[in-house]
Amino acid sequence: MTKLKRNSPEARPHDTPTGPAAMATTNKKRPRLDLNAGDPRERKRGKSMFGLVLGTLNKAKVEDKERNASEAVGNPQCGIWPNAD
């Protein structure tokens, strides 16, 4: 019985790279999509939906900042205390 080296591919058959980094090394080019060939309404719809998603993410980011700031006001570990006036 022969021992396999620890870093050899035979020793770790399930560790073969299959992700995007491995695909990048094969130098195959992805086909480009012709965005002008389709229906212009579809492109407009896609842009609109992307804008809605982006707006939702920005709104969530602002709300998260506000919530974190309000939680920090009464937290003695933060060193921020509300005014007693």
Protein backbone atom coordinates (compact mmCIF):
# COMPACT_ATOMS: atom_id res chain seq x y z
CA MET A 1 0.00 0.00 0.00
CA THR A 2 1.49 3.35 -1.03
CA LYS A 3 0.99 6.51 0.89
CA LEU A 4 -0.33 9.54 -0.96
CA LYS A 5 1.27 12.88 -0.40
CA ARG A 6 -0.84 15.27 1.62
CA ASN A 7 -1.05 17.99 -1.06
CA SER A 8 -1.35 15.75 -4.09
CA PRO A 9 -4.58 15.86 -6.13
CA GLU A 10 -5.05 12.13 -5.56
CA ALA A 11 -5.12 12.66 -1.80
CA ARG A 12 -7.93 15.23 -2.01
CA PRO A 13 -10.15 14.36 -4.97
CA HIS A 14 -13.02 16.54 -3.74
CA ASP A 15 -10.90 19.69 -3.55
CA THR A 16 -10.65 20.24 -7.28
CA PRO A 17 -11.37 23.89 -8.04
CA THR A 18 -14.70 24.42 -9.74
CA GLY A 19 -15.43 28.04 -8.84
CA PRO A 20 -15.06 31.21 -10.90
CA ALA A 21 -11.33 31.40 -10.19
CA ALA A 22 -10.79 27.99 -11.75
CA MET A 23 -12.86 28.95 -14.76
CA ALA A 24 -10.84 32.12 -15.22
CA THR A 25 -7.69 30.10 -15.70
CA THR A 26 -9.10 28.28 -18.72
CA ASN A 27 -9.11 31.55 -20.76
CA LYS A 28 -12.53 30.90 -22.23
CA LYS A 29 -14.41 34.08 -23.04
CA ARG A 30 -18.04 34.39 -22.13
CA PRO A 31 -20.36 35.36 -24.95
CA ARG A 32 -21.52 38.97 -24.78
CA LEU A 33 -25.20 39.75 -24.58
CA ASP A 34 -26.55 42.10 -27.21
CA LEU A 35 -28.59 44.41 -24.99
CA ASN A 36 -29.90 46.45 -27.92
CA ALA A 37 -31.36 43.47 -29.80
CA GLY A 38 -34.23 42.83 -27.39
CA ASP A 39 -37.38 44.72 -26.61
CA PRO A 40 -36.60 48.27 -25.36
CA ARG A 41 -39.43 47.92 -22.86
CA GLU A 42 -37.63 44.99 -21.22
CA ARG A 43 -34.48 47.07 -20.77
CA LYS A 44 -36.50 49.93 -19.29
CA ARG A 45 -38.27 47.50 -16.97
CA GLY A 46 -34.96 46.02 -15.84
CA LYS A 47 -33.52 49.45 -15.12
CA SER A 48 -36.65 50.38 -13.20
CA MET A 49 -36.51 47.23 -11.09
CA PHE A 50 -32.81 47.73 -10.44
CA GLY A 51 -33.57 51.27 -9.26
CA LEU A 52 -36.24 49.97 -6.89
CA VAL A 53 -33.86 47.41 -5.41
CA LEU A 54 -31.11 49.98 -5.05
CA GLY A 55 -33.51 52.40 -3.35
CA THR A 56 -34.65 49.70 -0.94
CA LEU A 57 -31.06 48.83 -0.04
CA ASN A 58 -30.17 52.49 0.53
CA LYS A 59 -33.25 52.97 2.71
CA ALA A 60 -32.32 49.89 4.77
CA LYS A 61 -28.77 51.21 5.15
CA VAL A 62 -30.03 54.56 6.46
CA GLU A 63 -32.46 52.87 8.86
CA ASP A 64 -29.69 50.59 10.11
CA LYS A 65 -27.41 53.58 10.78
CA GLU A 66 -30.20 55.36 12.63
CA ARG A 67 -31.00 52.27 14.71
CA ASN A 68 -27.35 51.71 15.58
CA ALA A 69 -26.94 55.37 16.53
CA SER A 70 -30.01 55.27 18.78
CA GLU A 71 -28.80 52.07 20.46
CA ALA A 72 -25.41 53.67 21.11
CA VAL A 73 -26.91 56.72 22.87
CA GLY A 74 -27.89 54.90 26.06
CA ASN A 75 -25.09 52.38 25.98
CA PRO A 76 -22.48 53.12 28.68
CA GLN A 77 -19.88 51.04 26.83
CA CYS A 78 -19.96 53.47 23.92
CA GLY A 79 -19.10 56.46 26.07
CA ILE A 80 -22.01 58.45 24.58
CA TRP A 81 -24.53 59.77 27.07
CA PRO A 82 -27.68 61.75 26.30
CA ASN A 83 -27.82 65.33 27.53
CA ALA A 84 -29.44 65.73 30.93
CA ASP A 85 -30.79 69.17 30.05
